[in-house]
Amino acid sequence: MSKDIKKEMRERTHQDPKNWKGPFYVNASDPRLMVSKYQPLMGWTLNFGNKDLYLLLIAVVGIVVLFGR
């Protein structure tokens, strides 16, 4: 698959309302950790369908707890 086709598919799934749970983007087939919000001018959000995101969040919370004392 070419890069243009992959990008087009990601954008199509990004705009699909079924992948948005309120302000949260949830799409396990999208490999990106961060995506632009439904309205791109509003900034970025996390892809809560990506399992790697949860590992990253646990690591960040662990570092904050460990060094926050």
N, C-alpha and C. Protein backbone atom coordinates (compact mmCIF):
# COMPACT_ATOMS: atom_id res chain seq x y z
N MET A 1 0.84 -1.19 0.00
CA MET A 1 0.00 0.00 0.00
C MET A 1 0.88 1.25 0.00
N SER A 2 0.54 2.21 -0.81
CA SER A 2 1.34 3.42 -0.86
C SER A 2 1.02 4.32 0.34
N LYS A 3 1.94 5.24 0.59
CA LYS A 3 1.77 6.15 1.72
C LYS A 3 0.52 7.02 1.56
N ASP A 4 0.22 7.42 0.33
CA ASP A 4 -0.95 8.26 0.09
C ASP A 4 -2.24 7.53 0.44
N ILE A 5 -2.30 6.25 0.09
CA ILE A 5 -3.50 5.46 0.38
C ILE A 5 -3.65 5.27 1.88
N LYS A 6 -2.54 4.97 2.57
CA LYS A 6 -2.58 4.80 4.02
C LYS A 6 -3.04 6.09 4.70
N LYS A 7 -2.50 7.21 4.24
CA LYS A 7 -2.88 8.50 4.82
C LYS A 7 -4.36 8.78 4.58
N GLU A 8 -4.83 8.48 3.39
CA GLU A 8 -6.24 8.69 3.07
C GLU A 8 -7.14 7.81 3.95
N MET A 9 -6.74 6.57 4.17
CA MET A 9 -7.53 5.67 5.01
C MET A 9 -7.54 6.16 6.46
N ARG A 10 -6.40 6.63 6.97
CA ARG A 10 -6.35 7.16 8.33
C ARG A 10 -7.26 8.37 8.47
N GLU A 11 -7.22 9.25 7.49
CA GLU A 11 -8.06 10.45 7.56
C GLU A 11 -9.54 10.08 7.49
N ARG A 12 -9.89 9.09 6.68
CA ARG A 12 -11.28 8.67 6.57
C ARG A 12 -11.77 8.09 7.90
N THR A 13 -10.95 7.24 8.53
CA THR A 13 -11.37 6.67 9.81
C THR A 13 -11.37 7.74 10.90
N HIS A 14 -10.49 8.73 10.78
CA HIS A 14 -10.43 9.82 11.75
C HIS A 14 -11.72 10.63 11.73
N GLN A 15 -12.28 10.83 10.55
CA GLN A 15 -13.50 11.62 10.42
C GLN A 15 -14.77 10.81 10.69
N ASP A 16 -14.65 9.51 10.85
CA ASP A 16 -15.81 8.65 11.10
C ASP A 16 -16.33 8.89 12.52
N PRO A 17 -17.57 9.32 12.68
CA PRO A 17 -18.11 9.62 14.02
C PRO A 17 -18.13 8.40 14.95
N LYS A 18 -18.14 7.17 14.39
CA LYS A 18 -18.15 5.98 15.23
C LYS A 18 -16.86 5.81 16.02
N ASN A 19 -15.78 6.47 15.58
CA ASN A 19 -14.49 6.36 16.27
C ASN A 19 -14.33 7.42 17.36
N TRP A 20 -15.31 8.25 17.54
CA TRP A 20 -15.26 9.30 18.55
C TRP A 20 -16.28 9.01 19.64
N LYS A 21 -15.82 8.88 20.86
CA LYS A 21 -16.68 8.68 22.03
C LYS A 21 -16.64 9.97 22.83
N GLY A 22 -17.52 10.89 22.48
CA GLY A 22 -17.46 12.22 23.08
C GLY A 22 -16.19 12.90 22.58
N PRO A 23 -15.36 13.43 23.48
CA PRO A 23 -14.12 14.07 23.04
C PRO A 23 -12.97 13.10 22.83
N PHE A 24 -13.21 11.79 23.02
CA PHE A 24 -12.15 10.79 22.97
C PHE A 24 -12.15 10.04 21.64
N TYR A 25 -10.96 9.88 21.07
CA TYR A 25 -10.79 9.12 19.84
C TYR A 25 -10.42 7.70 20.22
N VAL A 26 -11.19 6.71 19.74
CA VAL A 26 -10.96 5.30 20.07
C VAL A 26 -10.99 4.51 18.77
N ASN A 27 -9.79 4.15 18.28
CA ASN A 27 -9.69 3.38 17.04
C ASN A 27 -8.48 2.47 17.13
N ALA A 28 -8.71 1.19 17.40
CA ALA A 28 -7.63 0.22 17.56
C ALA A 28 -6.88 -0.03 16.25
N SER A 29 -7.50 0.21 15.12
CA SER A 29 -6.82 -0.04 13.85
C SER A 29 -5.91 1.11 13.43
N ASP A 30 -5.97 2.23 14.13
CA ASP A 30 -5.12 3.39 13.83
C ASP A 30 -3.88 3.30 14.73
N PRO A 31 -2.67 3.19 14.15
CA PRO A 31 -1.46 3.01 14.96
C PRO A 31 -0.96 4.27 15.66
N ARG A 32 -1.53 5.42 15.34
CA ARG A 32 -1.04 6.67 15.93
C ARG A 32 -1.44 6.78 17.40
N LEU A 33 -0.53 7.30 18.24
CA LEU A 33 -0.84 7.54 19.65
C LEU A 33 -1.59 8.85 19.82
N MET A 34 -1.20 9.85 19.03
CA MET A 34 -1.85 11.17 19.10
C MET A 34 -2.44 11.49 17.74
N VAL A 35 -3.64 12.03 17.76
CA VAL A 35 -4.32 12.44 16.53
C VAL A 35 -4.89 13.83 16.74
N SER A 36 -5.11 14.52 15.62
CA SER A 36 -5.74 15.83 15.76
C SER A 36 -7.19 15.61 16.16
N LYS A 37 -7.74 16.56 16.88
CA LYS A 37 -9.14 16.45 17.30
C LYS A 37 -10.06 16.48 16.09
N TYR A 38 -11.31 16.16 16.31
CA TYR A 38 -12.29 16.13 15.22
C TYR A 38 -12.29 17.46 14.48
N GLN A 39 -12.19 18.54 15.23
CA GLN A 39 -11.98 19.87 14.66
C GLN A 39 -10.50 20.17 14.81
N PRO A 40 -9.68 20.01 13.77
CA PRO A 40 -8.22 20.10 13.90
C PRO A 40 -7.69 21.38 14.53
N LEU A 41 -8.41 22.47 14.43
CA LEU A 41 -7.94 23.72 15.02
C LEU A 41 -8.01 23.69 16.55
N MET A 42 -8.68 22.68 17.10
CA MET A 42 -8.85 22.58 18.56
C MET A 42 -7.68 21.86 19.22
N GLY A 43 -6.71 21.37 18.45
CA GLY A 43 -5.53 20.75 19.03
C GLY A 43 -5.47 19.24 18.79
N TRP A 44 -4.88 18.54 19.76
CA TRP A 44 -4.62 17.11 19.62
C TRP A 44 -5.27 16.33 20.75
N THR A 45 -5.47 15.04 20.52
CA THR A 45 -5.99 14.15 21.55
C THR A 45 -5.28 12.81 21.43
N LEU A 46 -5.49 11.95 22.39
CA LEU A 46 -4.87 10.64 22.40
C LEU A 46 -5.80 9.61 21.77
N ASN A 47 -5.21 8.59 21.17
CA ASN A 47 -5.99 7.49 20.59
C ASN A 47 -6.14 6.41 21.65
N PHE A 48 -7.27 6.39 22.32
CA PHE A 48 -7.50 5.45 23.42
C PHE A 48 -7.77 4.02 22.94
N GLY A 49 -7.76 3.80 21.64
CA GLY A 49 -7.89 2.45 21.10
C GLY A 49 -6.54 1.77 20.95
N ASN A 50 -5.46 2.53 21.08
CA ASN A 50 -4.11 1.99 20.93
C ASN A 50 -3.61 1.46 22.27
N LYS A 51 -3.29 0.17 22.32
CA LYS A 51 -2.85 -0.44 23.58
C LYS A 51 -1.52 0.12 24.09
N ASP A 52 -0.66 0.58 23.18
CA ASP A 52 0.62 1.17 23.60
C ASP A 52 0.42 2.45 24.39
N LEU A 53 -0.67 3.13 24.16
CA LEU A 53 -0.96 4.36 24.89
C LEU A 53 -1.05 4.10 26.39
N TYR A 54 -1.68 2.99 26.76
CA TYR A 54 -1.85 2.69 28.18
C TYR A 54 -0.51 2.40 28.85
N LEU A 55 0.42 1.76 28.13
CA LEU A 55 1.76 1.53 28.67
C LEU A 55 2.47 2.87 28.88
N LEU A 56 2.31 3.77 27.92
CA LEU A 56 2.91 5.09 28.04
C LEU A 56 2.32 5.87 29.21
N LEU A 57 1.01 5.83 29.38
CA LEU A 57 0.36 6.54 30.49
C LEU A 57 0.79 5.97 31.84
N ILE A 58 0.91 4.64 31.94
CA ILE A 58 1.37 4.02 33.19
C ILE A 58 2.79 4.44 33.48
N ALA A 59 3.65 4.49 32.46
CA ALA A 59 5.04 4.91 32.66
C ALA A 59 5.12 6.36 33.12
N VAL A 60 4.33 7.23 32.52
CA VAL A 60 4.35 8.65 32.90
C VAL A 60 3.86 8.82 34.33
N VAL A 61 2.78 8.16 34.69
CA VAL A 61 2.26 8.25 36.06
C VAL A 61 3.27 7.67 37.03
N GLY A 62 3.91 6.57 36.68
CA GLY A 62 4.93 5.97 37.53
C GLY A 62 6.10 6.91 37.78
N ILE A 63 6.55 7.59 36.74
CA ILE A 63 7.66 8.54 36.88
C ILE A 63 7.25 9.71 37.77
N VAL A 64 6.06 10.21 37.57
CA VAL A 64 5.58 11.33 38.40
C VAL A 64 5.49 10.92 39.87
N VAL A 65 4.96 9.73 40.12
CA VAL A 65 4.84 9.25 41.49
C VAL A 65 6.22 9.01 42.09
N LEU A 66 7.11 8.41 41.32
CA LEU A 66 8.44 8.07 41.82
C LEU A 66 9.27 9.32 42.14
N PHE A 67 9.26 10.30 41.25
CA PHE A 67 10.08 11.48 41.44
C PHE A 67 9.31 12.65 42.06
N GLY A 68 8.05 12.49 42.30
CA GLY A 68 7.24 13.56 42.87
C GLY A 68 7.32 13.66 44.39
N ARG A 69 8.05 12.77 44.98
CA ARG A 69 8.14 12.77 46.45
C ARG A 69 9.23 13.67 46.94
